[in-house]
Amino acid sequence: KQTTDPGTKALAEFNDNLYWNHGVRIFQLNADGAGMTLINTVPNIVTDLKPFTDDNLYIPLNYSTQGYYMTMAGVFNTLGDGVCNTFQFMTAVHSAVPTMWGNSSQNGIRSNNTPTNAGAWSGLTNVGSSYYNITDLIQKSGALYIMKEDMPYYLSSAGAVQNDLAPELRSLLANTSGKNVHLWKNKLYIPCGEQGLLETDGTTNRFLNPASYCTNLIDYVGRVMAVASDEQYLFI
């Protein structure tokens, strides 16, 4: 069921097309860029859209509703029955064996090399404290990074959860911290707290808070809502 105004939660490029959701509906941008086509309506609000190397677009519907995937031919299939088929966020990690990761709870992640096979999802790996929710997943340099309300985490090459990337963000605890994390020039840009934006290459951290660059705007109170980029510039 659709809420009053669920908005758009996910965008993805897949099969040379742009797809996005509005609540339970999934749209495709028309070839001329001047309109959109309704592709399908699913049982619950879409929480992410993620393509994988198997030429499918994965469509999680949060923890309580079985997810879907769409083929390049536009055919929709459920994730099937097995270890897990309900996720909030997903992301593909391009290591030696490409792997899809997803969080099947507010605190737990699973992996699968063949995500159409719901029975092949791994056991649950808990990330940090259970009372801080996962807010996004992203891959960088063949590793998985897990954004949470308190700080970002990542998996080591041995698959162990690490919390030494930016523990200083704990003081900026917010339910939107880590949402819409963005990868640009092999650096992560992490929205945090009420007004913060952290840049990290995995070793060096630097705050790029918009308020720090706004001359004579002492009443600036803007939260970072989204980050995007092209070949030259980062847009906040």
Protein backbone atom coordinates (compact mmCIF):
# COMPACT_ATOMS: atom_id res chain seq x y z
CA LYS A 1 0.00 0.00 0.00
CA GLN A 2 1.17 3.49 -0.82
CA THR A 3 1.55 6.20 1.81
CA THR A 4 0.22 9.73 1.30
CA ASP A 5 3.43 11.03 -0.27
CA PRO A 6 6.21 8.42 -0.38
CA GLY A 7 8.23 10.32 -2.97
CA THR A 8 11.14 8.91 -4.95
CA LYS A 9 13.57 6.78 -2.97
CA ALA A 10 15.71 5.22 -5.70
CA LEU A 11 17.18 5.83 -9.17
CA ALA A 12 19.22 3.46 -11.32
CA GLU A 13 20.71 3.19 -14.80
CA PHE A 14 19.94 -0.23 -16.25
CA ASN A 15 19.98 -1.58 -19.81
CA ASP A 16 20.79 1.93 -21.16
CA ASN A 17 17.70 3.39 -19.48
CA LEU A 18 17.02 5.43 -16.36
CA TYR A 19 14.56 3.95 -13.85
CA TRP A 20 13.14 5.42 -10.67
CA ASN A 21 10.29 4.82 -8.27
CA HIS A 22 7.53 6.89 -6.81
CA GLY A 23 6.11 4.91 -3.94
CA VAL A 24 5.02 1.53 -5.30
CA ARG A 25 5.32 2.55 -8.95
CA ILE A 26 8.42 2.11 -11.14
CA PHE A 27 9.00 4.40 -14.11
CA GLN A 28 11.37 4.50 -17.09
CA LEU A 29 12.55 7.68 -18.76
CA ASN A 30 11.50 7.75 -22.41
CA ALA A 31 14.19 7.71 -25.09
CA ASP A 32 13.64 11.37 -26.01
CA GLY A 33 13.97 12.41 -22.35
CA ALA A 34 10.66 14.27 -22.57
CA GLY A 35 8.40 11.86 -20.72
CA MET A 36 8.18 8.70 -18.68
CA THR A 37 6.51 5.32 -18.88
CA LEU A 38 5.03 3.39 -15.97
CA ILE A 39 6.77 0.00 -16.01
CA ASN A 40 5.11 -1.77 -13.11
CA THR A 41 3.46 -1.45 -9.71
CA VAL A 42 4.78 -3.55 -6.85
CA PRO A 43 3.17 -4.55 -3.51
CA ASN A 44 5.08 -2.15 -1.26
CA ILE A 45 7.14 1.05 -1.43
CA VAL A 46 10.43 0.55 -3.30
CA THR A 47 13.41 1.22 -1.04
CA ASP A 48 16.23 0.76 -3.60
CA LEU A 49 17.02 -0.10 -7.22
CA LYS A 50 20.30 -1.86 -7.98
CA PRO A 51 21.60 -3.53 -11.18
CA PHE A 52 23.89 -6.54 -10.96
CA THR A 53 26.33 -8.27 -13.30
CA ASP A 54 23.73 -10.93 -14.12
CA ASP A 55 21.87 -8.30 -16.20
CA ASN A 56 19.02 -7.97 -13.73
CA LEU A 57 17.72 -4.94 -11.84
CA TYR A 58 17.00 -5.72 -8.19
CA ILE A 59 14.06 -4.07 -6.43
CA PRO A 60 13.96 -4.43 -2.63
CA LEU A 61 10.76 -3.48 -0.81
CA ASN A 62 12.08 -3.23 2.76
CA TYR A 63 12.24 -5.90 5.45
CA SER A 64 8.61 -7.01 5.44
CA THR A 65 7.87 -7.59 1.73
CA GLN A 66 9.39 -10.05 -0.73
CA GLY A 67 11.61 -8.25 -3.23
CA TYR A 68 11.71 -8.43 -7.04
CA TYR A 69 14.16 -8.39 -9.90
CA MET A 70 13.58 -7.26 -13.48
CA THR A 71 15.26 -8.79 -16.52
CA MET A 72 16.53 -6.79 -19.51
CA ALA A 73 13.35 -7.90 -21.30
CA GLY A 74 11.29 -6.11 -18.65
CA VAL A 75 10.02 -9.28 -16.98
CA PHE A 76 9.44 -9.03 -13.21
CA ASN A 77 10.19 -11.98 -10.92
CA THR A 78 10.10 -12.34 -7.14
CA LEU A 79 13.30 -13.18 -5.29
CA GLY A 80 11.76 -16.56 -4.48
CA ASP A 81 11.80 -18.58 -1.29
CA GLY A 82 14.94 -19.34 0.67
CA VAL A 83 17.25 -17.94 3.32
CA CYS A 84 16.08 -14.37 2.73
CA ASN A 85 14.10 -12.40 0.16
CA THR A 86 13.37 -9.14 2.01
CA PHE A 87 15.85 -6.26 1.91
CA GLN A 88 15.96 -2.50 2.39
CA PHE A 89 19.14 -1.55 0.49
CA MET A 90 21.31 -3.47 -1.97
CA THR A 91 24.63 -2.85 -3.66
CA ALA A 92 26.98 -4.83 -5.92
CA VAL A 93 30.61 -5.23 -4.83
CA HIS A 94 32.88 -5.79 -7.83
CA SER A 95 35.60 -8.02 -6.43
CA ALA A 96 37.10 -11.15 -8.04
CA VAL A 97 33.64 -12.71 -7.73
CA PRO A 98 30.95 -10.02 -8.06
CA THR A 99 28.70 -10.16 -5.02
CA MET A 100 25.37 -8.57 -4.20
CA TRP A 101 24.96 -7.36 -0.64
CA GLY A 102 21.76 -6.33 1.10
CA ASN A 103 20.57 -5.48 4.58
CA SER A 104 17.73 -7.73 5.65
CA SER A 105 17.23 -5.91 8.97
CA GLN A 106 18.04 -2.51 10.43
CA ASN A 107 21.41 -3.88 11.54
CA GLY A 108 22.21 -7.04 9.56
CA ILE A 109 23.67 -7.69 6.09
CA ARG A 110 23.79 -10.73 3.81
CA SER A 111 25.61 -11.57 0.56
CA ASN A 112 24.93 -13.64 -2.54
CA ASN A 113 26.90 -14.29 -5.73
CA THR A 114 23.70 -15.42 -7.49
CA PRO A 115 21.03 -13.15 -6.03
CA THR A 116 18.18 -14.58 -8.13
CA ASN A 117 18.61 -17.71 -5.99
CA ALA A 118 17.02 -16.69 -2.67
CA GLY A 119 18.32 -19.88 -1.07
CA ALA A 120 21.94 -18.86 -1.61
CA TRP A 121 22.00 -15.78 0.64
CA SER A 122 24.59 -15.96 3.39
CA GLY A 123 23.92 -15.95 7.09
CA LEU A 124 23.38 -12.64 8.86
CA THR A 125 26.36 -10.42 9.73
CA ASN A 126 25.53 -7.80 12.34
CA VAL A 127 27.04 -4.34 11.91
CA GLY A 128 27.59 -2.20 15.00
CA SER A 129 24.90 -1.68 17.62
CA SER A 130 21.38 -2.89 16.88
CA TYR A 131 19.81 0.41 17.97
CA TYR A 132 21.55 2.37 15.19
CA ASN A 133 19.96 1.70 11.81
CA ILE A 134 21.71 1.07 8.51
CA THR A 135 21.06 4.07 6.24
CA ASP A 136 22.81 3.06 2.98
CA LEU A 137 25.19 0.58 1.33
CA ILE A 138 27.92 1.42 -1.19
CA GLN A 139 30.99 -0.26 -2.67
CA LYS A 140 34.45 1.26 -3.08
CA SER A 141 37.57 -0.44 -4.46
CA GLY A 142 36.07 -3.91 -4.16
CA ALA A 143 34.94 -3.47 -0.56
CA LEU A 144 31.53 -2.99 1.03
CA TYR A 145 30.85 0.15 3.08
CA ILE A 146 27.86 0.24 5.40
CA MET A 147 26.46 3.62 6.44
CA LYS A 148 24.72 3.80 9.81
CA GLU A 149 23.14 6.51 11.92
CA ASP A 150 26.18 6.68 14.19
CA MET A 151 29.13 6.21 11.78
CA PRO A 152 30.24 4.39 8.60
CA TYR A 153 31.48 0.79 8.76
CA TYR A 154 33.18 -1.44 6.18
CA LEU A 155 34.19 -5.05 5.65
CA SER A 156 37.86 -6.01 5.67
CA SER A 157 39.28 -8.38 3.05
CA ALA A 158 38.63 -11.16 5.58
CA GLY A 159 34.97 -10.14 5.86
CA ALA A 160 35.27 -8.65 9.36
CA VAL A 161 33.22 -5.56 10.24
CA GLN A 162 35.46 -2.52 10.82
CA ASN A 163 34.53 0.78 12.49
CA ASP A 164 37.73 2.83 12.19
CA LEU A 165 36.82 4.78 9.03
CA ALA A 166 35.27 7.83 10.72
CA PRO A 167 34.39 7.16 14.37
CA GLU A 168 34.35 10.93 14.94
CA LEU A 169 30.94 11.04 13.26
CA ARG A 170 29.40 9.50 16.38
CA SER A 171 29.01 13.03 17.78
CA LEU A 172 26.88 13.89 14.72
CA LEU A 173 24.43 11.05 15.32
CA ALA A 174 21.30 11.51 13.16
CA ASN A 175 18.75 9.24 11.51
CA THR A 176 19.80 10.67 8.13
CA SER A 177 23.57 10.27 8.58
CA GLY A 178 25.01 8.25 5.70
CA LYS A 179 21.92 8.51 3.50
CA ASN A 180 22.75 9.12 -0.17
CA VAL A 181 26.48 8.51 0.31
CA HIS A 182 28.26 9.21 -2.99
CA LEU A 183 31.43 7.83 -4.61
CA TRP A 184 33.47 10.28 -6.72
CA LYS A 185 37.10 9.99 -7.83
CA ASN A 186 37.47 7.02 -5.50
CA LYS A 187 36.44 9.06 -2.46
CA LEU A 188 33.29 8.71 -0.41
CA TYR A 189 31.17 11.76 0.39
CA ILE A 190 29.07 11.05 3.47
CA PRO A 191 26.23 13.35 4.62
CA CYS A 192 26.22 13.41 8.41
CA GLY A 193 24.44 15.11 11.28
CA GLU A 194 22.39 18.25 10.70
CA GLN A 195 24.69 20.09 8.26
CA GLY A 196 27.78 17.94 7.75
CA LEU A 197 29.50 16.38 4.73
CA LEU A 198 32.58 14.21 5.19
CA GLU A 199 35.05 13.36 2.42
CA THR A 200 37.17 10.25 2.91
CA ASP A 201 39.50 8.22 0.72
CA GLY A 202 39.65 5.52 3.36
CA THR A 203 42.68 7.06 5.07
CA THR A 204 42.29 10.84 5.20
CA ASN A 205 39.05 12.45 6.34
CA ARG A 206 38.07 16.04 5.56
CA PHE A 207 34.88 17.94 6.40
CA LEU A 208 33.29 19.84 3.50
CA ASN A 209 30.35 21.24 5.43
CA PRO A 210 28.51 23.73 3.16
CA ALA A 211 28.09 26.15 6.08
CA SER A 212 31.89 26.42 6.34
CA TYR A 213 32.03 27.89 2.82
CA CYS A 214 29.05 30.26 3.09
CA THR A 215 30.40 33.74 3.77
CA ASN A 216 28.15 35.98 5.90
CA LEU A 217 25.43 33.35 6.16
CA ILE A 218 25.44 32.88 9.91
CA ASP A 219 21.87 31.53 9.92
CA TYR A 220 22.60 28.75 7.43
CA VAL A 221 20.80 25.57 8.58
CA GLY A 222 20.73 23.39 5.47
CA ARG A 223 21.00 19.63 5.77
CA VAL A 224 22.83 17.83 2.94
CA MET A 225 20.02 15.97 1.15
CA ALA A 226 21.83 14.64 -1.92
CA VAL A 227 25.24 14.52 -3.60
CA ALA A 228 25.94 14.06 -7.32
CA SER A 229 28.85 14.54 -9.70
CA ASP A 230 30.02 14.76 -13.28
CA GLU A 231 33.53 14.43 -14.70
CA GLN A 232 34.68 17.74 -13.14
CA TYR A 233 32.43 18.87 -10.31
CA LEU A 234 30.74 17.60 -7.18
CA PHE A 235 27.23 18.94 -6.61
CA ILE A 236 25.76 19.18 -3.12
